[in-house]
């Protein structure tokens, strides 16, 4: 009986919390709410690459080159602050160079079966100002 309780406890701890927000969901909500500045043709040195797999989402840092509004090169950053170009061929669902909308790329695929999106975190618009709430006197 004790082993059964331990097994149930282990299984419940091993299950991912489906209500917990993953890194991409948090970023996507921020961009949806606040919007993004236009992504210019240039090398963008501070982006987040969000890889999607069947179990979860992994976000890593990197840099990308944008030409004519499409992503042409992707570099992944390592812990020693070096970058390595993603040699794998990547494309959108139409087998073309992926484009960007509201600071986030469309879903990108590789021939190896990877799926990911590029988030241009530096282009996220700032939070809007909020009113300063009045503090009422205590002697009313």
Protein backbone atom coordinates (compact mmCIF):
# COMPACT_ATOMS: atom_id res chain seq x y z
CA UNK A 1 0.00 0.00 0.00
CA UNK A 2 2.86 2.37 0.85
CA UNK A 3 4.41 1.69 -2.56
CA UNK A 4 1.13 2.57 -4.25
CA UNK A 5 1.03 5.94 -2.49
CA UNK A 6 4.64 6.62 -3.46
CA UNK A 7 3.89 5.70 -7.07
CA UNK A 8 0.87 8.04 -7.18
CA UNK A 9 2.91 10.84 -5.61
CA UNK A 10 5.74 10.33 -8.11
CA UNK A 11 3.35 10.34 -11.09
CA UNK A 12 1.61 13.49 -9.88
CA UNK A 13 4.94 15.27 -9.44
CA UNK A 14 6.16 14.13 -12.86
CA UNK A 15 3.11 15.53 -14.68
CA UNK A 16 3.73 19.00 -16.13
CA UNK A 17 1.52 21.78 -14.84
CA UNK A 18 -0.64 22.49 -17.87
CA UNK A 19 -1.81 25.77 -16.35
CA UNK A 20 1.72 27.09 -15.98
CA UNK A 21 2.64 29.53 -18.72
CA UNK A 22 5.60 28.59 -20.86
CA UNK A 23 8.14 31.15 -22.00
CA UNK A 24 6.53 31.68 -25.42
CA UNK A 25 3.02 32.14 -24.03
CA UNK A 26 4.23 34.89 -21.70
CA UNK A 27 6.02 36.68 -24.53
CA UNK A 28 3.13 36.26 -26.95
CA UNK A 29 0.68 37.75 -24.44
CA UNK A 30 2.95 40.75 -23.86
CA UNK A 31 3.32 41.41 -27.60
CA UNK A 32 -0.43 40.97 -28.16
CA UNK A 33 -1.25 43.42 -25.38
CA UNK A 34 1.46 46.05 -25.99
CA UNK A 35 2.40 45.67 -29.65
CA UNK A 36 5.82 45.97 -31.24
CA UNK A 37 7.83 48.50 -33.17
CA UNK A 38 8.62 47.80 -36.83
CA UNK A 39 11.42 45.29 -37.43
CA UNK A 40 13.98 46.87 -39.74
CA UNK A 41 16.29 45.09 -42.16
CA UNK A 42 19.41 44.59 -40.05
CA UNK A 43 21.22 42.19 -37.73
CA UNK A 44 19.16 41.99 -34.53
CA UNK A 45 21.47 40.96 -31.70
CA UNK A 46 18.96 40.37 -28.93
CA UNK A 47 16.20 37.92 -29.86
CA UNK A 48 14.60 34.94 -28.18
CA UNK A 49 14.22 31.70 -30.10
CA UNK A 50 11.30 29.65 -28.82
CA UNK A 51 11.50 25.96 -29.77
CA UNK A 52 8.27 23.97 -29.65
CA UNK A 53 8.25 20.22 -29.05
CA UNK A 54 5.53 17.82 -28.03
CA UNK A 55 6.14 18.14 -24.30
CA UNK A 56 7.07 21.78 -23.71
CA UNK A 57 8.62 24.97 -25.04
CA UNK A 58 12.26 25.97 -24.69
CA UNK A 59 13.44 29.56 -25.09
CA UNK A 60 17.05 30.43 -25.89
CA UNK A 61 18.81 33.64 -26.84
CA UNK A 62 20.27 34.40 -30.22
CA UNK A 63 20.54 36.87 -33.05
CA UNK A 64 19.05 37.00 -36.55
CA UNK A 65 19.52 38.83 -39.82
CA UNK A 66 16.43 40.33 -41.44
CA UNK A 67 16.47 41.23 -45.14
CA UNK A 68 13.46 42.53 -47.08
CA UNK A 69 11.24 41.84 -44.07
CA UNK A 70 12.16 38.14 -43.88
CA UNK A 71 14.53 36.21 -41.63
CA UNK A 72 17.58 35.07 -43.60
CA UNK A 73 20.08 33.95 -40.92
CA UNK A 74 19.69 32.62 -37.38
CA UNK A 75 22.44 32.39 -34.77
CA UNK A 76 22.02 30.55 -31.46
CA UNK A 77 23.87 31.87 -28.38
CA UNK A 78 25.80 29.56 -26.06
CA UNK A 79 26.55 29.99 -22.35
CA UNK A 80 30.06 31.27 -23.10
CA UNK A 81 28.48 34.20 -25.04
CA UNK A 82 29.50 32.82 -28.43
CA UNK A 83 27.14 32.44 -31.35
CA UNK A 84 26.83 29.68 -33.90
CA UNK A 85 24.90 29.97 -37.13
CA UNK A 86 22.00 27.59 -37.55
CA UNK A 87 23.23 25.65 -40.56
CA UNK A 88 19.95 23.80 -40.97
CA UNK A 89 17.68 24.95 -43.76
CA UNK A 90 14.66 26.75 -42.31
CA UNK A 91 11.43 27.92 -43.89
CA UNK A 92 7.80 28.82 -43.23
CA UNK A 93 4.82 26.62 -44.06
CA UNK A 94 4.99 27.79 -47.70
CA UNK A 95 8.69 26.76 -47.93
CA UNK A 96 9.74 30.42 -48.09
CA UNK A 97 11.79 32.71 -45.86
CA UNK A 98 9.80 33.37 -42.65
CA UNK A 99 8.29 36.81 -42.13
CA UNK A 100 7.61 38.82 -38.98
CA UNK A 101 4.36 40.21 -37.63
CA UNK A 102 4.01 42.30 -34.46
CA UNK A 103 7.56 41.49 -33.31
CA UNK A 104 7.23 37.70 -33.61
CA UNK A 105 8.07 35.53 -36.61
CA UNK A 106 5.64 33.12 -38.14
CA UNK A 107 6.20 29.46 -37.25
CA UNK A 108 9.53 28.30 -38.68
CA UNK A 109 10.26 24.70 -39.65
CA UNK A 110 13.48 22.82 -40.37
CA UNK A 111 14.03 19.73 -42.50
CA UNK A 112 14.92 17.91 -39.25
CA UNK A 113 11.40 18.49 -37.91
CA UNK A 114 12.11 21.36 -35.50
CA UNK A 115 9.51 24.09 -35.03
CA UNK A 116 10.25 27.49 -33.53
CA UNK A 117 9.47 31.20 -33.55
CA UNK A 118 11.77 34.21 -33.23
CA UNK A 119 10.75 36.92 -30.76
CA UNK A 120 12.28 40.39 -31.19
CA UNK A 121 12.23 41.27 -27.50
CA UNK A 122 13.89 44.68 -27.98
CA UNK A 123 11.00 45.78 -30.20
CA UNK A 124 8.29 45.23 -27.54
CA UNK A 125 6.56 48.53 -26.87
CA UNK A 126 6.70 49.78 -23.26
CA UNK A 127 3.81 49.34 -20.87
CA UNK A 128 1.29 52.15 -21.03
CA UNK A 129 1.19 54.60 -18.15
CA UNK A 130 -1.32 53.96 -15.41
CA UNK A 131 -3.18 56.52 -13.37
CA UNK A 132 -1.91 57.24 -9.89
CA UNK A 133 -4.65 56.11 -7.52
CA UNK A 134 -5.81 58.59 -4.93
CA UNK A 135 -5.34 57.83 -1.25
CA UNK A 136 -8.32 59.04 0.72
CA UNK A 137 -7.84 60.74 4.07
CA UNK A 138 -8.53 58.54 7.08
CA UNK A 139 -10.62 61.19 8.91
CA UNK A 140 -13.60 61.22 6.51
